[in-house]
Protein backbone atom coordinates (compact mmCIF):
# COMPACT_ATOMS: atom_id res chain seq x y z
CA MET A 1 -11.43 6.08 25.93
CA ASN A 2 -8.17 7.84 25.77
CA SER A 3 -5.10 6.42 27.39
CA ARG A 4 -2.01 4.64 26.09
CA ARG A 5 1.77 4.78 26.13
CA THR A 6 4.11 3.36 28.79
CA PHE A 7 7.64 2.11 28.54
CA ILE A 8 9.15 -0.82 30.36
CA LYS A 9 12.56 0.59 31.03
CA GLN A 10 14.37 -2.51 32.17
CA ALA A 11 15.74 -4.18 29.07
CA GLY A 12 15.52 -7.65 30.57
CA LEU A 13 11.85 -7.25 31.42
CA ALA A 14 11.04 -5.75 28.06
CA ALA A 15 12.80 -8.52 26.19
CA GLY A 16 11.07 -11.22 28.20
CA ALA A 17 7.66 -9.62 27.99
CA ALA A 18 7.95 -9.04 24.26
CA VAL A 19 7.91 -12.79 23.75
CA LEU A 20 4.54 -13.02 25.47
CA ILE A 21 2.84 -9.72 24.63
CA PRO A 22 2.75 -7.82 21.32
CA SER A 23 4.90 -4.68 21.24
CA PHE A 24 1.86 -2.38 20.98
CA ALA A 25 1.12 -3.29 24.57
CA PHE A 26 3.91 -0.99 25.68
CA ASP A 27 2.26 2.15 24.34
CA LYS A 28 1.77 4.64 27.16
CA ALA A 29 -1.79 5.14 28.33
CA THR A 30 -3.01 8.73 28.32
CA LYS A 31 -4.00 10.44 31.54
CA ASN A 32 -6.39 12.74 29.69
CA VAL A 33 -10.06 12.11 30.34
CA GLY A 34 -12.23 12.62 27.28
CA LEU A 35 -15.94 13.30 26.80
CA GLN A 36 -18.16 12.33 23.89
CA LEU A 37 -20.06 15.57 23.38
CA TYR A 38 -23.26 13.68 22.53
CA THR A 39 -23.55 13.39 26.31
CA LEU A 40 -24.55 17.08 26.32
CA ARG A 41 -26.67 17.00 23.16
CA ASP A 42 -29.54 18.96 24.74
CA GLU A 43 -27.30 21.69 26.15
CA LEU A 44 -24.83 22.30 23.32
CA PRO A 45 -27.19 23.81 20.72
CA LYS A 46 -28.38 26.37 23.28
CA ASP A 47 -24.96 27.65 24.36
CA VAL A 48 -22.05 25.91 22.67
CA LYS A 49 -19.40 28.28 24.05
CA GLY A 50 -20.68 28.13 27.61
CA VAL A 51 -21.05 24.35 27.55
CA ILE A 52 -17.54 23.79 26.19
CA GLU A 53 -16.19 25.99 28.98
CA LYS A 54 -18.05 23.84 31.52
CA VAL A 55 -16.62 20.65 29.99
CA ALA A 56 -13.11 21.98 30.56
CA GLN A 57 -13.99 23.19 34.06
CA ALA A 58 -15.29 19.69 34.88
CA GLY A 59 -11.76 18.35 34.33
CA TYR A 60 -11.80 17.07 30.76
CA LYS A 61 -8.87 17.53 28.40
CA GLU A 62 -10.26 15.87 25.30
CA VAL A 63 -13.59 15.69 23.51
CA GLU A 64 -15.04 13.56 20.79
CA THR A 65 -17.25 15.47 18.40
CA TYR A 66 -20.53 14.62 16.73
CA GLY A 67 -23.14 16.62 14.86
CA PHE A 68 -21.05 18.12 12.05
CA SER A 69 -23.66 19.35 9.55
CA ASP A 70 -23.61 21.76 6.61
CA GLY A 71 -20.00 22.59 7.35
CA LYS A 72 -20.59 23.58 10.97
CA PHE A 73 -20.66 22.44 14.57
CA TRP A 74 -23.68 24.11 16.18
CA ASN A 75 -23.44 27.18 13.92
CA LEU A 76 -19.67 27.44 14.34
CA SER A 77 -17.36 26.76 11.43
CA THR A 78 -14.71 24.10 11.93
CA LYS A 79 -12.12 26.85 12.35
CA GLU A 80 -14.27 28.68 14.93
CA PHE A 81 -15.01 25.48 16.82
CA LYS A 82 -11.33 24.55 16.95
CA ALA A 83 -10.53 28.02 18.29
CA LEU A 84 -13.14 27.48 21.01
CA LEU A 85 -11.59 24.14 21.96
CA ASP A 86 -8.11 25.65 21.94
CA ALA A 87 -9.24 28.52 24.18
CA ASN A 88 -10.41 25.95 26.73
CA GLY A 89 -7.38 23.69 26.56
CA LEU A 90 -9.29 20.90 24.80
CA LYS A 91 -8.26 18.61 21.96
CA ALA A 92 -10.51 16.55 19.69
CA PRO A 93 -8.61 13.39 18.74
CA SER A 94 -11.76 11.75 17.36
CA GLY A 95 -15.08 12.68 15.86
CA HIS A 96 -18.23 10.71 15.05
CA TYR A 97 -19.38 10.82 11.45
CA GLY A 98 -21.39 8.70 9.03
CA MET A 99 -20.66 6.86 5.77
CA ASP A 100 -24.06 5.57 4.65
CA GLU A 101 -24.14 7.75 1.54
CA PHE A 102 -20.81 6.30 0.43
CA SER A 103 -21.99 2.74 1.13
CA LYS A 104 -25.21 3.17 -0.81
CA THR A 105 -24.00 5.27 -3.76
CA GLY A 106 -20.21 5.20 -3.81
CA LYS A 107 -20.16 9.01 -3.76
CA THR A 108 -17.36 10.52 -1.71
CA ASP A 109 -18.18 14.25 -1.60
CA LYS A 110 -19.78 14.27 1.87
CA LEU A 111 -17.35 11.67 3.17
CA LYS A 112 -14.35 13.75 2.14
CA ALA A 113 -15.88 16.93 3.61
CA ASP A 114 -16.32 15.14 6.92
CA ILE A 115 -12.77 13.80 6.82
CA GLU A 116 -11.44 17.29 6.10
CA SER A 117 -13.36 18.67 9.08
CA CYS A 118 -12.00 15.96 11.38
CA ALA A 119 -8.45 16.63 10.21
CA ALA A 120 -8.88 20.41 10.56
CA LEU A 121 -9.83 19.95 14.23
CA GLY A 122 -6.53 18.18 14.78
CA GLY A 123 -8.17 14.77 14.85
CA LYS A 124 -6.40 11.43 14.76
CA TYR A 125 -9.39 9.14 14.27
CA PHE A 126 -12.25 9.43 11.80
CA THR A 127 -14.86 7.38 13.62
CA ILE A 128 -18.03 5.88 12.21
CA ALA A 129 -20.75 5.64 14.84
CA GLY A 130 -22.89 2.93 13.34
CA ALA A 131 -23.07 1.96 9.66
CA HIS A 132 -25.81 0.67 7.39
CA VAL A 133 -25.91 -3.12 7.08
CA ASP A 134 -28.22 -5.19 4.89
CA MET A 135 -29.39 -7.41 7.75
CA SER A 136 -31.39 -9.61 5.36
CA LYS A 137 -28.10 -11.01 4.03
CA GLY A 138 -26.83 -12.16 7.42
CA ALA A 139 -23.05 -12.40 7.70
CA ASP A 140 -22.65 -11.42 4.03
CA GLY A 141 -24.30 -8.09 4.80
CA PHE A 142 -21.67 -7.41 7.44
CA LYS A 143 -18.91 -8.54 5.06
CA LYS A 144 -20.04 -5.94 2.55
CA THR A 145 -19.94 -3.23 5.22
CA ALA A 146 -16.52 -4.46 6.39
CA ASP A 147 -15.29 -4.04 2.82
CA ASP A 148 -16.65 -0.49 2.87
CA PHE A 149 -14.72 0.14 6.10
CA ASN A 150 -11.51 -0.84 4.34
CA LYS A 151 -12.28 1.55 1.48
CA VAL A 152 -13.18 4.48 3.75
CA ALA A 153 -10.09 3.81 5.86
CA GLU A 154 -7.93 4.21 2.75
CA ILE A 155 -9.59 7.56 2.00
CA ALA A 156 -9.09 8.71 5.60
CA LYS A 157 -5.46 7.60 5.52
CA ALA A 158 -4.85 9.86 2.53
CA SER A 159 -5.77 12.80 4.79
CA GLY A 160 -3.56 11.61 7.63
CA LEU A 161 -6.36 10.07 9.70
CA LYS A 162 -6.97 6.62 11.11
CA PHE A 163 -10.36 4.96 10.74
CA ALA A 164 -12.36 3.58 13.67
CA TYR A 165 -15.76 1.97 14.08
CA HIS A 166 -17.97 2.47 17.14
CA ASN A 167 -20.28 -0.41 18.08
CA HIS A 168 -23.72 -0.61 19.59
CA ASP A 169 -25.33 -3.95 20.49
CA PHE A 170 -26.89 -5.18 17.25
CA GLU A 171 -23.48 -6.22 15.92
CA PHE A 172 -23.34 -8.95 18.57
CA LYS A 173 -26.45 -10.86 17.50
CA ASN A 174 -25.74 -14.42 16.44
CA LEU A 175 -25.40 -15.11 12.73
CA GLY A 176 -24.97 -18.85 12.70
CA ASP A 177 -21.55 -19.51 14.19
CA THR A 178 -20.46 -15.87 14.12
CA THR A 179 -21.65 -12.31 14.83
CA GLY A 180 -21.51 -9.10 12.87
CA TYR A 181 -18.78 -7.79 15.14
CA GLU A 182 -16.66 -10.92 14.58
CA VAL A 183 -17.10 -10.40 10.85
CA TYR A 184 -15.90 -6.81 11.14
CA LEU A 185 -12.85 -7.81 13.16
CA LYS A 186 -11.90 -10.63 10.81
CA GLU A 187 -12.77 -9.08 7.44
CA THR A 188 -11.13 -5.68 7.92
CA ASP A 189 -7.48 -4.82 7.41
CA LYS A 190 -6.04 -4.52 10.92
CA LYS A 191 -3.47 -2.03 9.61
CA LEU A 192 -6.27 0.30 8.50
CA VAL A 193 -9.40 -0.37 10.55
CA ASN A 194 -9.54 0.26 14.29
CA PHE A 195 -12.39 -0.14 16.74
CA GLU A 196 -13.79 2.18 19.37
CA MET A 197 -15.24 -0.20 21.95
CA ASP A 198 -18.39 1.08 23.59
CA ILE A 199 -18.02 -0.89 26.79
CA TYR A 200 -21.62 -0.37 27.88
CA TRP A 201 -23.05 -1.79 24.67
CA VAL A 202 -20.68 -4.76 24.77
CA VAL A 203 -21.85 -5.60 28.29
CA ARG A 204 -25.49 -4.86 27.46
CA SER A 205 -25.29 -7.33 24.58
CA GLY A 206 -24.22 -10.04 27.01
CA ASN A 207 -20.56 -10.05 26.04
CA ASP A 208 -17.34 -9.52 27.95
CA PRO A 209 -15.08 -6.59 26.98
CA LEU A 210 -12.06 -8.35 28.50
CA ALA A 211 -12.64 -11.44 26.38
CA LEU A 212 -12.74 -9.29 23.24
CA ILE A 213 -9.56 -7.47 24.20
CA LYS A 214 -7.74 -10.73 24.85
CA LYS A 215 -8.97 -12.31 21.62
CA TYR A 216 -8.17 -9.26 19.49
CA PRO A 217 -5.29 -7.45 21.22
CA GLY A 218 -4.41 -4.07 19.85
CA ARG A 219 -7.63 -3.60 17.86
CA PHE A 220 -9.34 -1.23 20.33
CA PRO A 221 -7.36 2.05 20.53
CA MET A 222 -10.42 3.93 21.79
CA TRP A 223 -13.12 3.19 24.33
CA HIS A 224 -16.43 4.67 25.40
CA VAL A 225 -16.63 4.59 29.17
CA LYS A 226 -20.32 4.45 29.91
CA ASP A 227 -21.63 2.80 33.08
CA MET A 228 -24.77 0.69 33.44
CA ASP A 229 -27.39 1.47 36.05
CA LYS A 230 -27.59 -1.38 38.56
CA ALA A 231 -31.38 -1.39 38.85
CA LYS A 232 -32.24 -0.55 35.24
CA PRO A 233 -29.55 -1.77 32.80
CA GLU A 234 -31.22 0.06 29.93
CA LEU A 235 -30.13 3.30 31.62
CA ASN A 236 -26.71 4.82 32.16
CA THR A 237 -25.30 6.19 35.36
CA GLU A 238 -22.19 8.08 36.42
CA VAL A 239 -18.96 6.11 35.99
CA GLY A 240 -18.24 4.21 39.21
CA LYS A 241 -21.86 4.08 40.33
CA GLY A 242 -22.97 1.31 38.00
CA SER A 243 -22.45 -2.40 37.48
CA ILE A 244 -19.50 -2.41 35.06
CA ASP A 245 -16.12 -3.34 36.53
CA PHE A 246 -14.03 -0.61 34.94
CA LYS A 247 -11.04 -1.26 37.16
CA ALA A 248 -10.58 -4.71 35.61
CA ILE A 249 -11.03 -3.29 32.12
CA PHE A 250 -8.61 -0.39 32.60
CA ALA A 251 -6.06 -2.91 33.86
CA GLU A 252 -5.97 -4.26 30.28
CA ALA A 253 -5.63 -0.86 28.58
CA LYS A 254 -2.21 -1.72 27.18
CA LEU A 255 -3.31 -5.04 25.75
CA SER A 256 -6.27 -3.28 24.15
CA GLY A 257 -3.93 -0.77 22.52
CA MET A 258 -6.10 1.93 24.07
CA GLN A 259 -4.95 5.46 23.29
CA HIS A 260 -8.03 7.56 24.04
CA PHE A 261 -11.18 7.04 26.03
CA PHE A 262 -14.34 9.08 26.23
CA VAL A 263 -17.00 9.24 28.89
CA GLU A 264 -20.45 9.02 27.38
CA HIS A 265 -23.70 9.35 29.30
CA GLU A 266 -27.01 9.12 27.48
CA SER A 267 -29.65 8.97 30.23
CA ASN A 268 -30.48 9.18 33.94
CA TYR A 269 -28.23 12.13 34.83
CA TYR A 270 -27.77 13.01 38.48
CA PRO A 271 -28.02 15.70 39.60
CA ASN A 272 -27.83 17.15 36.06
CA PRO A 273 -25.78 16.62 32.88
CA ILE A 274 -22.87 18.88 33.91
CA GLY A 275 -22.86 17.48 37.43
CA SER A 276 -22.88 13.96 36.02
CA ILE A 277 -19.88 14.46 33.76
CA LYS A 278 -17.91 15.98 36.63
CA THR A 279 -18.76 13.03 38.90
CA SER A 280 -17.58 10.60 36.21
CA CYS A 281 -14.38 12.55 35.55
CA ASP A 282 -13.54 12.78 39.25
CA TYR A 283 -14.06 9.04 39.72
CA ILE A 284 -11.88 8.14 36.75
CA LYS A 285 -9.04 10.36 37.92
CA ALA A 286 -9.19 9.01 41.46
CA ASN A 287 -9.64 5.32 40.66
CA LEU A 288 -8.83 4.34 37.07
CA ILE A 289 -5.85 6.29 35.73
């Protein structure tokens, strides 16, 4: 999610609070609502220009990309796609990419092409949306992937980007006295590796986003704001209509280090995908930021 940056102007308060709360907690939270474009995965290939216009009309100011392939976003070059975003007043501070080829072979050609695309869009975060893990090795499999995160983060840093990892739910399965997600948080360099918390998947896995934020303050500069249907938790619903207490979570945005957040909706749209994203955006603006 995308919000972060606020100053405590009274020196006495700031000095006192600094003893209790890390300084990153004073970053100002953004008021810009973002959308992970995967939400509109069925619509975009049919009419990328028209859909991007509708995203802006629905009230969004930022998007998170996905689907970069063969040098293009839905048949538009990176330059053309950026021009389309610019024309609609949209920024793309993050994009979803992969790194499996690097993990398996050590080759960096595709990885560097993806990083260049992210940077050319004006991105801040090069985000990996799921990474290959040798699950047969238990925690050691996650440690190997965590080491790969550190390496990819160094490559991204050379292009002026920060690295982030987006979770699902498999990372939270117990591995003895730990989980894959705990391994990632502990085995990665906190100066290089950030996390994009998908709040829905954290809750779906049986975990508490607030507990993670409090245990690892400052590690979650991005969020996915995706609500859980009350009757069928395997489905999404518009933000504010589901079972996740986003008000309590947004109250800890500073402690999280949250700088950007993105609505994502993968199923159960009502009345339709564009209507759903507008409903979510309206709710967030009225109740969360």
